[in-house]
Protein backbone atom coordinates (compact mmCIF):
# COMPACT_ATOMS: atom_id res chain seq x y z
CA MET A 1 256.53 17.79 154.06
CA LEU A 2 252.91 18.05 155.04
CA GLN A 3 252.20 20.32 152.10
CA GLY A 4 253.58 17.63 149.86
CA ARG A 5 251.19 15.16 151.36
CA LEU A 6 248.31 17.33 150.77
CA PHE A 7 249.07 17.10 146.99
CA SER A 8 249.68 13.39 146.97
CA TYR A 9 246.53 12.46 148.89
CA GLY A 10 244.41 14.33 146.58
CA ASP A 11 246.25 12.97 143.56
CA ALA A 12 245.96 9.41 144.92
CA GLN A 13 242.28 9.79 145.51
CA ARG A 14 241.54 10.98 141.92
CA TYR A 15 243.58 7.97 140.70
CA ARG A 16 241.56 5.55 142.79
CA LEU A 17 238.18 7.16 141.70
CA THR A 18 239.23 7.31 138.00
CA VAL A 19 238.73 9.98 135.39
CA ASN A 20 235.03 10.31 136.11
CA HIS A 21 235.44 11.31 139.73
CA PHE A 22 233.63 14.43 139.22
CA GLN A 23 230.28 12.53 138.37
CA ILE A 24 229.99 10.68 141.58
CA PRO A 25 227.17 12.83 143.47
CA VAL A 26 229.26 13.78 146.44
CA ASN A 27 232.11 15.05 144.21
CA ALA A 28 229.94 16.82 141.57
CA PRO A 29 230.13 20.52 141.28
CA ARG A 30 227.13 22.21 142.97
CA ALA A 31 227.02 25.33 140.69
CA ALA A 32 226.50 23.43 137.51
CA ALA A 33 223.10 21.59 137.06
CA HIS A 34 224.63 20.11 133.65
CA ALA A 35 228.10 20.26 132.67
CA ASN A 36 228.72 19.94 128.93
CA SER A 37 231.32 17.23 128.86
CA TYR A 38 232.65 15.37 125.88
CA HIS A 39 234.04 12.61 128.19
CA ARG A 40 232.70 9.15 127.31
CA ASP A 41 233.09 5.66 128.77
CA GLY A 42 235.47 4.79 131.60
CA VAL A 43 234.88 3.55 135.10
CA LEU A 44 232.40 4.90 137.52
CA ARG A 45 230.07 6.44 134.97
CA VAL A 46 226.93 7.26 136.93
CA ASP A 47 225.10 9.35 134.36
CA GLY A 48 224.08 6.68 131.80
CA ASN A 49 227.12 7.63 129.57
CA GLN A 50 224.72 9.39 127.22
CA GLY A 51 223.31 6.19 125.93
CA GLY A 52 224.20 5.07 122.45
CA THR A 53 224.22 8.58 121.04
CA THR A 54 226.74 9.35 118.33
CA SER A 55 230.05 10.71 119.73
CA TYR A 56 231.98 11.67 116.63
CA ASN A 57 231.80 14.33 113.87
CA PRO A 58 230.93 14.13 111.06
CA ASN A 59 227.85 11.87 111.35
CA THR A 60 224.66 11.30 109.78
CA LYS A 61 222.63 12.39 112.75
CA GLY A 62 223.77 16.00 112.78
CA ALA A 63 225.04 15.70 116.33
CA TRP A 64 228.38 17.01 117.58
CA LEU A 65 228.48 19.74 114.81
CA ASP A 66 231.30 22.39 114.91
CA GLN A 67 230.23 25.45 116.50
CA PRO A 68 232.10 28.49 115.10
CA ASP A 69 230.75 30.90 117.96
CA PHE A 70 232.85 28.82 120.30
CA SER A 71 236.07 28.50 118.31
CA GLU A 72 239.30 29.72 119.75
CA PRO A 73 239.90 33.37 118.85
CA PRO A 74 242.64 34.03 116.43
CA LEU A 75 246.01 34.86 118.29
CA SER A 76 247.87 37.71 116.52
CA ILE A 77 251.58 36.90 116.24
CA GLU A 78 253.17 37.95 112.98
CA GLY A 79 249.95 37.37 111.23
CA ALA A 80 247.00 35.43 112.71
CA ALA A 81 247.46 32.10 114.40
CA ASP A 82 244.03 30.28 114.02
CA HIS A 83 242.76 26.67 113.68
CA TRP A 84 244.71 24.73 111.04
CA ASN A 85 242.30 22.99 108.59
CA HIS A 86 243.69 19.64 107.97
CA ARG A 87 241.48 18.89 105.09
CA VAL A 88 243.95 20.15 102.49
CA ASP A 89 242.50 18.24 99.56
CA GLU A 90 239.57 15.82 98.92
CA ASP A 91 241.68 12.69 98.45
CA TYR A 92 240.36 10.48 101.11
CA TYR A 93 240.34 7.38 99.19
CA SER A 94 243.55 6.79 97.30
CA GLN A 95 245.60 5.40 100.13
CA PRO A 96 242.93 2.98 101.46
CA GLY A 97 242.59 1.79 97.75
CA ASP A 98 246.36 1.33 97.38
CA LEU A 99 246.41 -0.69 100.66
CA PHE A 100 243.46 -3.00 99.39
CA ARG A 101 245.22 -3.53 96.06
CA LEU A 102 248.35 -4.58 97.94
CA MET A 103 246.28 -7.30 99.86
CA THR A 104 246.24 -10.99 98.57
CA LYS A 105 242.94 -12.46 97.60
CA VAL A 106 242.78 -14.27 100.96
CA GLN A 107 243.66 -10.97 102.99
CA GLN A 108 240.83 -9.19 100.96
CA GLN A 109 238.32 -11.89 101.86
CA VAL A 110 239.31 -11.67 105.49
CA LEU A 111 238.84 -7.96 105.37
CA PHE A 112 235.35 -8.55 103.76
CA ASP A 113 234.26 -10.91 106.38
CA ASN A 114 235.65 -8.91 109.34
CA THR A 115 233.83 -5.83 108.15
CA ALA A 116 230.59 -7.66 107.57
CA ARG A 117 230.56 -9.12 111.11
CA ALA A 118 231.54 -5.60 112.49
CA MET A 119 228.74 -3.90 110.71
CA TYR A 120 226.15 -6.48 111.42
CA GLY A 121 223.07 -4.79 113.08
CA VAL A 122 224.00 -1.39 111.73
CA SER A 123 221.21 0.59 110.01
CA LYS A 124 220.88 0.23 106.20
CA PRO A 125 221.71 3.94 105.37
CA VAL A 126 225.02 3.51 107.42
CA ARG A 127 225.90 0.33 105.65
CA ASP A 128 225.06 1.93 102.31
CA LEU A 129 227.31 4.80 103.10
CA HIS A 130 230.18 2.52 104.18
CA ILE A 131 230.02 0.51 101.09
CA GLU A 132 229.86 3.78 99.05
CA HIS A 133 233.06 4.81 100.70
CA CYS A 134 234.77 1.48 100.14
CA THR A 135 233.76 1.59 96.50
CA LYS A 136 235.43 5.07 96.10
CA ALA A 137 238.65 3.51 97.40
CA ALA A 138 238.50 0.38 95.15
CA PRO A 139 235.35 -0.94 93.22
CA ALA A 140 236.39 -4.54 94.29
CA TYR A 141 236.46 -3.44 97.87
CA GLY A 142 232.97 -2.09 97.86
CA ALA A 143 231.73 -4.99 95.89
CA GLY A 144 233.34 -7.56 98.30
CA VAL A 145 232.04 -5.74 101.43
CA SER A 146 228.53 -5.65 99.91
CA ALA A 147 228.75 -9.42 98.99
CA ALA A 148 230.02 -10.30 102.49
CA LEU A 149 227.26 -8.43 104.21
CA GLU A 150 224.54 -9.96 102.06
CA ALA A 151 226.08 -13.49 102.73
CA LEU A 152 225.97 -12.82 106.43
CA ASP A 153 222.35 -11.50 106.34
CA ALA A 154 221.35 -14.68 104.48
CA LYS A 155 223.25 -16.94 106.83
CA VAL A 156 221.66 -15.35 110.03
CA SER A 157 218.12 -15.22 108.58
CA SER A 158 218.41 -19.01 107.43
CA ALA A 159 219.77 -19.85 110.91
CA ALA A 160 216.78 -17.94 112.51
CA ARG A 161 214.33 -19.86 110.37
CA SER A 162 215.87 -23.23 111.29
CA GLU A 163 215.73 -22.68 114.97
CA PRO A 164 212.84 -24.78 116.54
CA GLU A 165 210.04 -22.83 118.13
CA VAL A 166 209.89 -23.02 121.96
CA THR A 167 206.48 -24.02 123.08
CA LYS A 168 204.98 -23.74 126.57
């Protein structure tokens, strides 16, 4: 019974401290000055959460690239078991285009407006790349997102100009 409690006490403690329990200084490993961790977000982050760095691949910043030197070694069974490349073809746009064409005009406009609001504040190269992807799915999709982004930019800049200046 006591051995069972040893397990449950540690397990309950890890549950209370959340997934980032290893980052709390008293729980941090002593041997590693910097552990390479792909964990992001969550409760009890004490390391700055890697700031606003990109955490996905592929990306435009060249971060988080695949490192073939550290891939899993092939496992010989009756042939070689290796990483399966899910990129069977280059057709990334037909399904989103089909879904877009199934939408009513009202649904399409909601999609344009939601996308524009979600992308507000994103850098111009990323916006242009997203519009390019939308256009590949359906030309009307790309044009609608572009128009919604321009309308939102105009609305925000006109609102900023109409605000009264605060004087001391």
